[in-house]
Amino acid sequence: MKYAIVLTVLAREMLSEISDARVKKKIIERIDRLADSPDLQGKPLKGIFASYRSVRAVGQRYRIDYKVEKEKVIVYVVGVGIRKEGNKNDIYHRLKKLLETIRSEVGDADQDNSRKS
């Protein structure tokens, strides 16, 4: 069964920041391969990223982080980038900020809804 591939806004932004056309092409090819058995590729992440997986691309240099929605048969690519621990452009640093923003917005919406009840 083929999965649909959906790139998040952040993943598209991160991909557009890669200036080398050859590297970008290889990353896109690797993303396309996630359509077949994405849950068997890469490795599961830990901690706050526990529901995500990561696969390496372009000679192990780049990471492609994604979430598999088996019920919907969709792979959500949430980030693409280089692992640079301690750097603000590190793929996991950027994804952590995104998750914190989402959780904050969801929490705010939940509080707003409970106030209306």
PDB file of N, CA and C in Angstrom:
ATOM      1  N   MET A   1       0.841  -1.178   0.000  1.00  0.00           N
ATOM      2  CA  MET A   1       0.000   0.000   0.000  1.00  0.00           C
ATOM      3  C   MET A   1       0.888   1.245   0.000  1.00  0.00           C
ATOM      4  N   LYS A   2       0.604   2.152  -0.898  1.00  0.00           N
ATOM      5  CA  LYS A   2       1.360   3.407  -1.007  1.00  0.00           C
ATOM      6  C   LYS A   2       0.762   4.449  -0.066  1.00  0.00           C
ATOM      7  N   TYR A   3       1.617   5.135   0.636  1.00  0.00           N
ATOM      8  CA  TYR A   3       1.210   6.233   1.503  1.00  0.00           C
ATOM      9  C   TYR A   3       1.314   7.544   0.746  1.00  0.00           C
ATOM     10  N   ALA A   4       0.409   8.456   1.039  1.00  0.00           N
ATOM     11  CA  ALA A   4       0.513   9.821   0.514  1.00  0.00           C
ATOM     12  C   ALA A   4       1.575  10.541   1.346  1.00  0.00           C
ATOM     13  N   ILE A   5       2.311  11.421   0.712  1.00  0.00           N
ATOM     14  CA  ILE A   5       3.343  12.202   1.394  1.00  0.00           C
ATOM     15  C   ILE A   5       2.866  13.646   1.490  1.00  0.00           C
ATOM     16  N   VAL A   6       2.890  14.189   2.709  1.00  0.00           N
ATOM     17  CA  VAL A   6       2.499  15.579   2.935  1.00  0.00           C
ATOM     18  C   VAL A   6       3.648  16.272   3.664  1.00  0.00           C
ATOM     19  N   LEU A   7       4.132  17.368   3.091  1.00  0.00           N
ATOM     20  CA  LEU A   7       5.178  18.160   3.740  1.00  0.00           C
ATOM     21  C   LEU A   7       4.529  19.304   4.508  1.00  0.00           C
ATOM     22  N   THR A   8       4.913  19.450   5.768  1.00  0.00           N
ATOM     23  CA  THR A   8       4.403  20.555   6.568  1.00  0.00           C
ATOM     24  C   THR A   8       5.021  21.855   6.081  1.00  0.00           C
ATOM     25  N   VAL A   9       4.479  22.963   6.546  1.00  0.00           N
ATOM     26  CA  VAL A   9       5.012  24.281   6.185  1.00  0.00           C
ATOM     27  C   VAL A   9       6.484  24.376   6.600  1.00  0.00           C
ATOM     28  N   LEU A  10       6.804  23.905   7.810  1.00  0.00           N
ATOM     29  CA  LEU A  10       8.191  23.967   8.277  1.00  0.00           C
ATOM     30  C   LEU A  10       9.092  23.100   7.399  1.00  0.00           C
ATOM     31  N   ALA A  11       8.653  21.915   7.022  1.00  0.00           N
ATOM     32  CA  ALA A  11       9.464  21.041   6.174  1.00  0.00           C
ATOM     33  C   ALA A  11       9.719  21.692   4.820  1.00  0.00           C
ATOM     34  N   ARG A  12       8.685  22.322   4.251  1.00  0.00           N
ATOM     35  CA  ARG A  12       8.865  23.018   2.974  1.00  0.00           C
ATOM     36  C   ARG A  12       9.872  24.159   3.115  1.00  0.00           C
ATOM     37  N   GLU A  13       9.762  24.896   4.219  1.00  0.00           N
ATOM     38  CA  GLU A  13      10.675  26.012   4.474  1.00  0.00           C
ATOM     39  C   GLU A  13      12.106  25.500   4.618  1.00  0.00           C
ATOM     40  N   MET A  14      12.281  24.429   5.377  1.00  0.00           N
ATOM     41  CA  MET A  14      13.610  23.865   5.593  1.00  0.00           C
ATOM     42  C   MET A  14      14.201  23.345   4.282  1.00  0.00           C
ATOM     43  N   LEU A  15      13.366  22.727   3.463  1.00  0.00           N
ATOM     44  CA  LEU A  15      13.817  22.221   2.171  1.00  0.00           C
ATOM     45  C   LEU A  15      14.219  23.367   1.247  1.00  0.00           C
ATOM     46  N   SER A  16      13.462  24.450   1.282  1.00  0.00           N
ATOM     47  CA  SER A  16      13.770  25.599   0.413  1.00  0.00           C
ATOM     48  C   SER A  16      15.074  26.291   0.826  1.00  0.00           C
ATOM     49  N   GLU A  17      15.494  26.112   2.066  1.00  0.00           N
ATOM     50  CA  GLU A  17      16.734  26.721   2.554  1.00  0.00           C
ATOM     51  C   GLU A  17      17.984  25.991   2.060  1.00  0.00           C
ATOM     52  N   ILE A  18      17.809  24.810   1.491  1.00  0.00           N
ATOM     53  CA  ILE A  18      18.946  24.046   0.975  1.00  0.00           C
ATOM     54  C   ILE A  18      19.277  24.578  -0.409  1.00  0.00           C
ATOM     55  N   SER A  19      20.450  25.172  -0.541  1.00  0.00           N
ATOM     56  CA  SER A  19      20.794  25.845  -1.791  1.00  0.00           C
ATOM     57  C   SER A  19      21.363  24.917  -2.862  1.00  0.00           C
ATOM     58  N   ASP A  20      21.959  23.816  -2.467  1.00  0.00           N
ATOM     59  CA  ASP A  20      22.562  22.886  -3.426  1.00  0.00           C
ATOM     60  C   ASP A  20      21.463  22.049  -4.092  1.00  0.00           C
ATOM     61  N   ALA A  21      21.263  22.248  -5.391  1.00  0.00           N
ATOM     62  CA  ALA A  21      20.190  21.578  -6.131  1.00  0.00           C
ATOM     63  C   ALA A  21      20.350  20.061  -6.129  1.00  0.00           C
ATOM     64  N   ARG A  22      21.570  19.571  -6.174  1.00  0.00           N
ATOM     65  CA  ARG A  22      21.795  18.118  -6.160  1.00  0.00           C
ATOM     66  C   ARG A  22      21.382  17.510  -4.825  1.00  0.00           C
ATOM     67  N   VAL A  23      21.732  18.190  -3.749  1.00  0.00           N
ATOM     68  CA  VAL A  23      21.363  17.725  -2.411  1.00  0.00           C
ATOM     69  C   VAL A  23      19.850  17.732  -2.267  1.00  0.00           C
ATOM     70  N   LYS A  24      19.223  18.829  -2.682  1.00  0.00           N
ATOM     71  CA  LYS A  24      17.771  18.951  -2.590  1.00  0.00           C
ATOM     72  C   LYS A  24      17.087  17.827  -3.373  1.00  0.00           C
ATOM     73  N   LYS A  25      17.593  17.530  -4.564  1.00  0.00           N
ATOM     74  CA  LYS A  25      17.017  16.472  -5.393  1.00  0.00           C
ATOM     75  C   LYS A  25      17.110  15.118  -4.694  1.00  0.00           C
ATOM     76  N   LYS A  26      18.252  14.820  -4.075  1.00  0.00           N
ATOM     77  CA  LYS A  26      18.429  13.552  -3.364  1.00  0.00           C
ATOM     78  C   LYS A  26      17.497  13.457  -2.162  1.00  0.00           C
ATOM     79  N   ILE A  27      17.307  14.557  -1.476  1.00  0.00           N
ATOM     80  CA  ILE A  27      16.400  14.567  -0.324  1.00  0.00           C
ATOM     81  C   ILE A  27      14.969  14.312  -0.789  1.00  0.00           C
ATOM     82  N   ILE A  28      14.564  14.958  -1.866  1.00  0.00           N
ATOM     83  CA  ILE A  28      13.210  14.761  -2.399  1.00  0.00           C
ATOM     84  C   ILE A  28      13.015  13.309  -2.840  1.00  0.00           C
ATOM     85  N   GLU A  29      14.027  12.738  -3.466  1.00  0.00           N
ATOM     86  CA  GLU A  29      13.940  11.326  -3.865  1.00  0.00           C
ATOM     87  C   GLU A  29      13.780  10.427  -2.640  1.00  0.00           C
ATOM     88  N   ARG A  30      14.511  10.757  -1.573  1.00  0.00           N
ATOM     89  CA  ARG A  30      14.421   9.952  -0.340  1.00  0.00           C
ATOM     90  C   ARG A  30      13.047  10.114   0.302  1.00  0.00           C
ATOM     91  N   ILE A  31      12.515  11.317   0.284  1.00  0.00           N
ATOM     92  CA  ILE A  31      11.169  11.549   0.814  1.00  0.00           C
ATOM     93  C   ILE A  31      10.156  10.733   0.028  1.00  0.00           C
ATOM     94  N   ASP A  32      10.279  10.711  -1.289  1.00  0.00           N
ATOM     95  CA  ASP A  32       9.354   9.950  -2.129  1.00  0.00           C
ATOM     96  C   ASP A  32       9.368   8.457  -1.790  1.00  0.00           C
ATOM     97  N   ARG A  33      10.529   7.938  -1.390  1.00  0.00           N
ATOM     98  CA  ARG A  33      10.617   6.516  -1.033  1.00  0.00           C
ATOM     99  C   ARG A  33       9.873   6.191   0.258  1.00  0.00           C
ATOM    100  N   LEU A  34       9.521   7.202   1.039  1.00  0.00           N
ATOM    101  CA  LEU A  34       8.750   6.968   2.268  1.00  0.00           C
ATOM    102  C   LEU A  34       7.322   6.505   1.970  1.00  0.00           C
ATOM    103  N   ALA A  35       6.885   6.622   0.729  1.00  0.00           N
ATOM    104  CA  ALA A  35       5.535   6.191   0.355  1.00  0.00           C
ATOM    105  C   ALA A  35       5.359   4.679   0.517  1.00  0.00           C
ATOM    106  N   ASP A  36       6.451   3.928   0.499  1.00  0.00           N
ATOM    107  CA  ASP A  36       6.403   2.476   0.660  1.00  0.00           C
ATOM    108  C   ASP A  36       6.916   2.077   2.041  1.00  0.00           C
ATOM    109  N   SER A  37       6.054   1.522   2.868  1.00  0.00           N
ATOM    110  CA  SER A  37       6.409   1.019   4.206  1.00  0.00           C
ATOM    111  C   SER A  37       7.196   2.025   5.045  1.00  0.00           C
ATOM    112  N   PRO A  38       6.653   3.204   5.266  1.00  0.00           N
ATOM    113  CA  PRO A  38       7.396   4.232   6.016  1.00  0.00           C
ATOM    114  C   PRO A  38       7.692   3.830   7.459  1.00  0.00           C
ATOM    115  N   ASP A  39       6.842   2.992   8.033  1.00  0.00           N
ATOM    116  CA  ASP A  39       7.050   2.575   9.416  1.00  0.00           C
ATOM    117  C   ASP A  39       8.187   1.569   9.562  1.00  0.00           C
ATOM    118  N   LEU A  40       8.700   1.066   8.448  1.00  0.00           N
ATOM    119  CA  LEU A  40       9.829   0.139   8.490  1.00  0.00           C
ATOM    120  C   LEU A  40      11.146   0.821   8.130  1.00  0.00           C
ATOM    121  N   GLN A  41      11.085   2.097   7.802  1.00  0.00           N
ATOM    122  CA  GLN A  41      12.279   2.853   7.424  1.00  0.00           C
ATOM    123  C   GLN A  41      12.740   3.724   8.584  1.00  0.00           C
ATOM    124  N   GLY A  42      13.995   4.077   8.568  1.00  0.00           N
ATOM    125  CA  GLY A  42      14.517   4.982   9.590  1.00  0.00           C
ATOM    126  C   GLY A  42      14.430   4.392  10.972  1.00  0.00           C
ATOM    127  N   LYS A  43      14.354   5.277  11.949  1.00  0.00           N
ATOM    128  CA  LYS A  43      14.267   4.812  13.334  1.00  0.00           C
ATOM    129  C   LYS A  43      13.274   5.678  14.100  1.00  0.00           C
ATOM    130  N   PRO A  44      12.651   5.094  15.110  1.00  0.00           N
ATOM    131  CA  PRO A  44      11.746   5.894  15.938  1.00  0.00           C
ATOM    132  C   PRO A  44      12.553   6.864  16.808  1.00  0.00           C
ATOM    133  N   LEU A  45      11.997   8.045  16.991  1.00  0.00           N
ATOM    134  CA  LEU A  45      12.654   9.039  17.833  1.00  0.00           C
ATOM    135  C   LEU A  45      12.196   8.872  19.276  1.00  0.00           C
ATOM    136  N   LYS A  46      12.844   9.580  20.192  1.00  0.00           N
ATOM    137  CA  LYS A  46      12.561   9.452  21.625  1.00  0.00           C
ATOM    138  C   LYS A  46      12.154  10.793  22.220  1.00  0.00           C
ATOM    139  N   GLY A  47      11.741  10.743  23.460  1.00  0.00           N
ATOM    140  CA  GLY A  47      11.399  11.961  24.189  1.00  0.00           C
ATOM    141  C   GLY A  47      10.176  12.651  23.612  1.00  0.00           C
ATOM    142  N   ILE A  48      10.255  13.966  23.466  1.00  0.00           N
ATOM    143  CA  ILE A  48       9.102  14.713  22.966  1.00  0.00           C
ATOM    144  C   ILE A  48       8.798  14.395  21.510  1.00  0.00           C
ATOM    145  N   PHE A  49       9.736  13.727  20.837  1.00  0.00           N
ATOM    146  CA  PHE A  49       9.540  13.351  19.436  1.00  0.00           C
ATOM    147  C   PHE A  49       9.126  11.880  19.301  1.00  0.00           C
ATOM    148  N   ALA A  50       8.658  11.269  20.376  1.00  0.00           N
ATOM    149  CA  ALA A  50       8.402   9.823  20.407  1.00  0.00           C
ATOM    150  C   ALA A  50       7.418   9.341  19.344  1.00  0.00           C
ATOM    151  N   SER A  51       6.540  10.167  18.851  1.00  0.00           N
ATOM    152  CA  SER A  51       5.579   9.714  17.836  1.00  0.00           C
ATOM    153  C   SER A  51       6.098   9.922  16.409  1.00  0.00           C
ATOM    154  N   TYR A  52       7.372  10.292  16.288  1.00  0.00           N
ATOM    155  CA  TYR A  52       7.972  10.580  14.986  1.00  0.00           C
ATOM    156  C   TYR A  52       9.084   9.571  14.664  1.00  0.00           C
ATOM    157  N   ARG A  53       9.458   9.537  13.402  1.00  0.00           N
ATOM    158  CA  ARG A  53      10.558   8.701  12.925  1.00  0.00           C
ATOM    159  C   ARG A  53      11.553   9.591  12.189  1.00  0.00           C
ATOM    160  N   SER A  54      12.777   9.091  12.027  1.00  0.00           N
ATOM    161  CA  SER A  54      13.804   9.840  11.321  1.00  0.00           C
ATOM    162  C   SER A  54      14.548   8.902  10.381  1.00  0.00           C
ATOM    163  N   VAL A  55      14.771   9.374   9.183  1.00  0.00           N
ATOM    164  CA  VAL A  55      15.546   8.627   8.201  1.00  0.00           C
ATOM    165  C   VAL A  55      16.660   9.542   7.701  1.00  0.00           C
ATOM    166  N   ARG A  56      17.804   8.972   7.415  1.00  0.00           N
ATOM    167  CA  ARG A  56      18.937   9.768   6.946  1.00  0.00           C
ATOM    168  C   ARG A  56      18.964   9.825   5.431  1.00  0.00           C
ATOM    169  N   ALA A  57      19.545  10.902   4.924  1.00  0.00           N
ATOM    170  CA  ALA A  57      19.627  11.097   3.473  1.00  0.00           C
ATOM    171  C   ALA A  57      20.943  11.785   3.132  1.00  0.00           C
ATOM    172  N   VAL A  58      21.321  11.720   1.883  1.00  0.00           N
ATOM    173  CA  VAL A  58      22.512  12.382   1.335  1.00  0.00           C
ATOM    174  C   VAL A  58      23.749  12.011   2.164  1.00  0.00           C
ATOM    175  N   GLY A  59      24.118  10.747   2.069  1.00  0.00           N
ATOM    176  CA  GLY A  59      25.325  10.285   2.746  1.00  0.00           C
ATOM    177  C   GLY A  59      25.254  10.406   4.252  1.00  0.00           C
ATOM    178  N   GLN A  60      24.096  10.195   4.825  1.00  0.00           N
ATOM    179  CA  GLN A  60      23.889  10.215   6.279  1.00  0.00           C
ATOM    180  C   GLN A  60      23.950  11.617   6.887  1.00  0.00           C
ATOM    181  N   ARG A  61      24.129  12.648   6.065  1.00  0.00           N
ATOM    182  CA  ARG A  61      24.326  14.009   6.566  1.00  0.00           C
ATOM    183  C   ARG A  61      23.020  14.684   6.974  1.00  0.00           C
ATOM    184  N   TYR A  62      21.973  14.468   6.203  1.00  0.00           N
ATOM    185  CA  TYR A  62      20.685  15.114   6.447  1.00  0.00           C
ATOM    186  C   TYR A  62      19.728  14.161   7.132  1.00  0.00           C
ATOM    187  N   ARG A  63      18.798  14.740   7.893  1.00  0.00           N
ATOM    188  CA  ARG A  63      17.739  13.967   8.525  1.00  0.00           C
ATOM    189  C   ARG A  63      16.403  14.382   7.908  1.00  0.00           C
ATOM    190  N   ILE A  64      15.533  13.412   7.740  1.00  0.00           N
ATOM    191  CA  ILE A  64      14.148  13.666   7.332  1.00  0.00           C
ATOM    192  C   ILE A  64      13.300  13.105   8.461  1.00  0.00           C
ATOM    193  N   ASP A  65      12.592  13.974   9.147  1.00  0.00           N
ATOM    194  CA  ASP A  65      11.755  13.554  10.265  1.00  0.00           C
ATOM    195  C   ASP A  65      10.309  13.550   9.825  1.00  0.00           C
ATOM    196  N   TYR A  66       9.592  12.499  10.231  1.00  0.00           N
ATOM    197  CA  TYR A  66       8.227  12.328   9.742  1.00  0.00           C
ATOM    198  C   TYR A  66       7.367  11.571  10.740  1.00  0.00           C
ATOM    199  N   LYS A  67       6.076  11.656  10.512  1.00  0.00           N
ATOM    200  CA  LYS A  67       5.094  10.957  11.342  1.00  0.00           C
ATOM    201  C   LYS A  67       4.209  10.139  10.406  1.00  0.00           C
ATOM    202  N   VAL A  68       3.969   8.892  10.772  1.00  0.00           N
ATOM    203  CA  VAL A  68       3.148   7.999   9.959  1.00  0.00           C
ATOM    204  C   VAL A  68       1.750   7.930  10.569  1.00  0.00           C
ATOM    205  N   GLU A  69       0.752   8.224   9.750  1.00  0.00           N
ATOM    206  CA  GLU A  69      -0.655   8.095  10.154  1.00  0.00           C
ATOM    207  C   GLU A  69      -1.225   6.895   9.402  1.00  0.00           C
ATOM    208  N   LYS A  70      -1.161   5.722  10.036  1.00  0.00           N
ATOM    209  CA  LYS A  70      -1.569   4.488   9.364  1.00  0.00           C
ATOM    210  C   LYS A  70      -3.042   4.503   8.968  1.00  0.00           C
ATOM    211  N   GLU A  71      -3.899   5.039   9.838  1.00  0.00           N
ATOM    212  CA  GLU A  71      -5.338   5.053   9.556  1.00  0.00           C
ATOM    213  C   GLU A  71      -5.661   5.886   8.318  1.00  0.00           C
ATOM    214  N   LYS A  72      -4.917   6.959   8.137  1.00  0.00           N
ATOM    215  CA  LYS A  72      -5.158   7.870   7.013  1.00  0.00           C
ATOM    216  C   LYS A  72      -4.276   7.538   5.804  1.00  0.00           C
ATOM    217  N   VAL A  73      -3.319   6.620   5.991  1.00  0.00           N
ATOM    218  CA  VAL A  73      -2.349   6.242   4.961  1.00  0.00           C
ATOM    219  C   VAL A  73      -1.606   7.488   4.456  1.00  0.00           C
ATOM    220  N   ILE A  74      -1.090   8.256   5.427  1.00  0.00           N
ATOM    221  CA  ILE A  74      -0.366   9.496   5.120  1.00  0.00           C
ATOM    222  C   ILE A  74       0.943   9.528   5.911  1.00  0.00           C
ATOM    223  N   VAL A  75       1.979  10.026   5.266  1.00  0.00           N
ATOM    224  CA  VAL A  75       3.246  10.314   5.930  1.00  0.00           C
ATOM    225  C   VAL A  75       3.370  11.835   5.960  1.00  0.00           C
ATOM    226  N   TYR A  76       3.463  12.397   7.166  1.00  0.00           N
ATOM    227  CA  TYR A  76       3.668  13.838   7.323  1.00  0.00           C
ATOM    228  C   TYR A  76       5.159  14.084   7.544  1.00  0.00           C
ATOM    229  N   VAL A  77       5.816  14.715   6.575  1.00  0.00           N
ATOM    230  CA  VAL A  77       7.216  15.087   6.734  1.00  0.00           C
ATOM    231  C   VAL A  77       7.210  16.415   7.485  1.00  0.00           C
ATOM    232  N   VAL A  78       7.796  16.402   8.686  1.00  0.00           N
ATOM    233  CA  VAL A  78       7.736  17.593   9.540  1.00  0.00           C
ATOM    234  C   VAL A  78       9.020  18.404   9.540  1.00  0.00           C
ATOM    235  N   GLY A  79      10.130  17.790   9.111  1.00  0.00           N
ATOM    236  CA  GLY A  79      11.386  18.531   9.094  1.00  0.00           C
ATOM    237  C   GLY A  79      12.427  17.873   8.215  1.00  0.00           C
ATOM    238  N   VAL A  80      13.303  18.699   7.667  1.00  0.00           N
ATOM    239  CA  VAL A  80      14.405  18.249   6.824  1.00  0.00           C
ATOM    240  C   VAL A  80      15.599  19.114   7.166  1.00  0.00           C
ATOM    241  N   GLY A  81      16.704  18.505   7.532  1.00  0.00           N
ATOM    242  CA  GLY A  81      17.869  19.334   7.829  1.00  0.00           C
ATOM    243  C   GLY A  81      19.043  18.548   8.355  1.00  0.00           C
ATOM    244  N   ILE A  82      20.069  19.287   8.701  1.00  0.00           N
ATOM    245  CA  ILE A  82      21.305  18.715   9.218  1.00  0.00           C
ATOM    246  C   ILE A  82      21.252  18.735  10.742  1.00  0.00           C
ATOM    247  N   ARG A  83      21.770  17.685  11.343  1.00  0.00           N
ATOM    248  CA  ARG A  83      21.876  17.623  12.800  1.00  0.00           C
ATOM    249  C   ARG A  83      23.117  18.415  13.203  1.00  0.00           C
ATOM    250  N   LYS A  84      22.905  19.545  13.885  1.00  0.00           N
ATOM    251  CA  LYS A  84      24.003  20.393  14.366  1.00  0.00           C
ATOM    252  C   LYS A  84      23.743  20.673  15.834  1.00  0.00           C
ATOM    253  N   GLU A  85      24.062  19.727  16.672  1.00  0.00           N
ATOM    254  CA  GLU A  85      23.753  19.855  18.093  1.00  0.00           C
ATOM    255  C   GLU A  85      24.296  21.161  18.662  1.00  0.00           C
ATOM    256  N   GLY A  86      23.432  21.872  19.387  1.00  0.00           N
ATOM    257  CA  GLY A  86      23.823  23.135  19.988  1.00  0.00           C
ATOM    258  C   GLY A  86      23.633  24.344  19.090  1.00  0.00           C
ATOM    259  N   ASN A  87      23.257  24.120  17.836  1.00  0.00           N
ATOM    260  CA  ASN A  87      23.063  25.201  16.876  1.00  0.00           C
ATOM    261  C   ASN A  87      21.573  25.500  16.755  1.00  0.00           C
ATOM    262  N   LYS A  88      21.202  26.763  16.652  1.00  0.00           N
ATOM    263  CA  LYS A  88      19.780  27.113  16.549  1.00  0.00           C
ATOM    264  C   LYS A  88      19.147  26.611  15.262  1.00  0.00           C
ATOM    265  N   ASN A  89      19.953  26.264  14.258  1.00  0.00           N
ATOM    266  CA  ASN A  89      19.421  25.713  13.012  1.00  0.00           C
ATOM    267  C   ASN A  89      19.410  24.189  13.002  1.00  0.00           C
ATOM    268  N   ASP A  90      19.784  23.566  14.112  1.00  0.00           N
ATOM    269  CA  ASP A  90      19.713  22.111  14.248  1.00  0.00           C
ATOM    270  C   ASP A  90      18.271  21.663  14.008  1.00  0.00           C
ATOM    271  N   ILE A  91      18.094  20.606  13.251  1.00  0.00           N
ATOM    272  CA  ILE A  91      16.752  20.144  12.895  1.00  0.00           C
ATOM    273  C   ILE A  91      15.892  19.891  14.136  1.00  0.00           C
ATOM    274  N   TYR A  92      16.458  19.301  15.179  1.00  0.00           N
ATOM    275  CA  TYR A  92      15.657  18.987  16.360  1.00  0.00           C
ATOM    276  C   TYR A  92      15.356  20.224  17.197  1.00  0.00           C
ATOM    277  N   HIS A  93      16.244  21.197  17.176  1.00  0.00           N
ATOM    278  CA  HIS A  93      15.971  22.465  17.861  1.00  0.00           C
ATOM    279  C   HIS A  93      14.762  23.157  17.224  1.00  0.00           C
ATOM    280  N   ARG A  94      14.744  23.176  15.898  1.00  0.00           N
ATOM    281  CA  ARG A  94      13.633  23.821  15.180  1.00  0.00           C
ATOM    282  C   ARG A  94      12.327  23.056  15.374  1.00  0.00           C
ATOM    283  N   LEU A  95      12.385  21.730  15.354  1.00  0.00           N
ATOM    284  CA  LEU A  95      11.173  20.934  15.552  1.00  0.00           C
ATOM    285  C   LEU A  95      10.647  21.075  16.979  1.00  0.00           C
ATOM    286  N   LYS A  96      11.545  21.158  17.947  1.00  0.00           N
ATOM    287  CA  LYS A  96      11.124  21.333  19.344  1.00  0.00           C
ATOM    288  C   LYS A  96      10.360  22.643  19.501  1.00  0.00           C
ATOM    289  N   LYS A  97      10.877  23.707  18.893  1.00  0.00           N
ATOM    290  CA  LYS A  97      10.189  24.999  18.961  1.00  0.00           C
ATOM    291  C   LYS A  97       8.804  24.905  18.320  1.00  0.00           C
ATOM    292  N   LEU A  98       8.714  24.197  17.200  1.00  0.00           N
ATOM    293  CA  LEU A  98       7.431  24.024  16.529  1.00  0.00           C
ATOM    294  C   LEU A  98       6.447  23.274  17.428  1.00  0.00           C
ATOM    295  N   LEU A  99       6.894  22.178  18.040  1.00  0.00           N
ATOM    296  CA  LEU A  99       6.018  21.405  18.921  1.00  0.00           C
ATOM    297  C   LEU A  99       5.559  22.229  20.115  1.00  0.00           C
ATOM    298  N   GLU A 100       6.463  23.036  20.676  1.00  0.00           N
ATOM    299  CA  GLU A 100       6.097  23.893  21.806  1.00  0.00           C
ATOM    300  C   GLU A 100       5.034  24.901  21.390  1.00  0.00           C
ATOM    301  N   THR A 101       5.168  25.465  20.185  1.00  0.00           N
ATOM    302  CA  THR A 101       4.185  26.424  19.675  1.00  0.00           C
ATOM    303  C   THR A 101       2.829  25.750  19.492  1.00  0.00           C
ATOM    304  N   ILE A 102       2.846  24.563  18.900  1.00  0.00           N
ATOM    305  CA  ILE A 102       1.590  23.831  18.676  1.00  0.00           C
ATOM    306  C   ILE A 102       0.924  23.514  20.001  1.00  0.00           C
ATOM    307  N   ARG A 103       1.694  23.003  20.955  1.00  0.00           N
ATOM    308  CA  ARG A 103       1.121  22.659  22.261  1.00  0.00           C
ATOM    309  C   ARG A 103       0.560  23.893  22.953  1.00  0.00           C
ATOM    310  N   SER A 104       1.260  25.012  22.834  1.00  0.00           N
ATOM    311  CA  SER A 104       0.801  26.257  23.435  1.00  0.00           C
ATOM    312  C   SER A 104      -0.522  26.695  22.803  1.00  0.00           C
ATOM    313  N   GLU A 105      -0.589  26.636  21.470  1.00  0.00           N
ATOM    314  CA  GLU A 105      -1.804  27.053  20.774  1.00  0.00           C
ATOM    315  C   GLU A 105      -2.970  26.122  21.095  1.00  0.00           C
ATOM    316  N   VAL A 106      -2.708  24.828  21.166  1.00  0.00           N
ATOM    317  CA  VAL A 106      -3.761  23.864  21.495  1.00  0.00           C
ATOM    318  C   VAL A 106      -4.220  24.090  22.931  1.00  0.00           C
ATOM    319  N   GLY A 107      -3.253  24.312  23.825  1.00  0.00           N
ATOM    320  CA  GLY A 107      -3.602  24.581  25.224  1.00  0.00           C
ATOM    321  C   GLY A 107      -4.437  25.841  25.368  1.00  0.00           C
ATOM    322  N   ASP A 108      -4.072  26.905  24.639  1.00  0.00           N
ATOM    323  CA  ASP A 108      -4.837  28.149  24.671  1.00  0.00           C
ATOM    324  C   ASP A 108      -6.249  27.929  24.146  1.00  0.00           C
ATOM    325  N   ALA A 109      -6.374  27.158  23.076  1.00  0.00           N
ATOM    326  CA  ALA A 109      -7.693  26.882  22.497  1.00  0.00           C
ATOM    327  C   ALA A 109      -8.536  26.063  23.463  1.00  0.00           C
ATOM    328  N   ASP A 110      -7.915  25.090  24.144  1.00  0.00           N
ATOM    329  CA  ASP A 110      -8.646  24.278  25.120  1.00  0.00           C
ATOM    330  C   ASP A 110      -9.145  25.142  26.273  1.00  0.00           C
ATOM    331  N   GLN A 111      -8.298  26.081  26.725  1.00  0.00           N
ATOM    332  CA  GLN A 111      -8.706  26.959  27.818  1.00  0.00           C
ATOM    333  C   GLN A 111      -9.838  27.875  27.372  1.00  0.00           C
ATOM    334  N   ASP A 112      -9.751  28.400  26.155  1.00  0.00           N
ATOM    335  CA  ASP A 112     -10.814  29.257  25.625  1.00  0.00           C
ATOM    336  C   ASP A 112     -12.130  28.499  25.536  1.00  0.00           C
ATOM    337  N   ASN A 113     -12.064  27.245  25.067  1.00  0.00           N
ATOM    338  CA  ASN A 113     -13.275  26.426  24.950  1.00  0.00           C
ATOM    339  C   ASN A 113     -13.868  26.097  26.312  1.00  0.00           C
ATOM    340  N   SER A 114     -13.017  25.850  27.318  1.00  0.00           N
ATOM    341  CA  SER A 114     -13.540  25.517  28.651  1.00  0.00           C
ATOM    342  C   SER A 114     -14.162  26.750  29.297  1.00  0.00           C
ATOM    343  N   ARG A 115     -13.682  27.934  28.969  1.00  0.00           N
ATOM    344  CA  ARG A 115     -14.266  29.159  29.516  1.00  0.00           C
ATOM    345  C   ARG A 115     -15.658  29.415  28.929  1.00  0.00           C
ATOM    346  N   LYS A 116     -15.854  28.985  27.687  1.00  0.00           N
ATOM    347  CA  LYS A 116     -17.133  29.195  27.025  1.00  0.00           C
ATOM    348  C   LYS A 116     -18.205  28.227  27.522  1.00  0.00           C
ATOM    349  N   SER A 117     -17.765  27.120  28.124  1.00  0.00           N
ATOM    350  CA  SER A 117     -18.729  26.111  28.589  1.00  0.00           C
ATOM    351  C   SER A 117     -19.431  26.541  29.850  1.00  0.00           C
TER     352      SER A 117
END
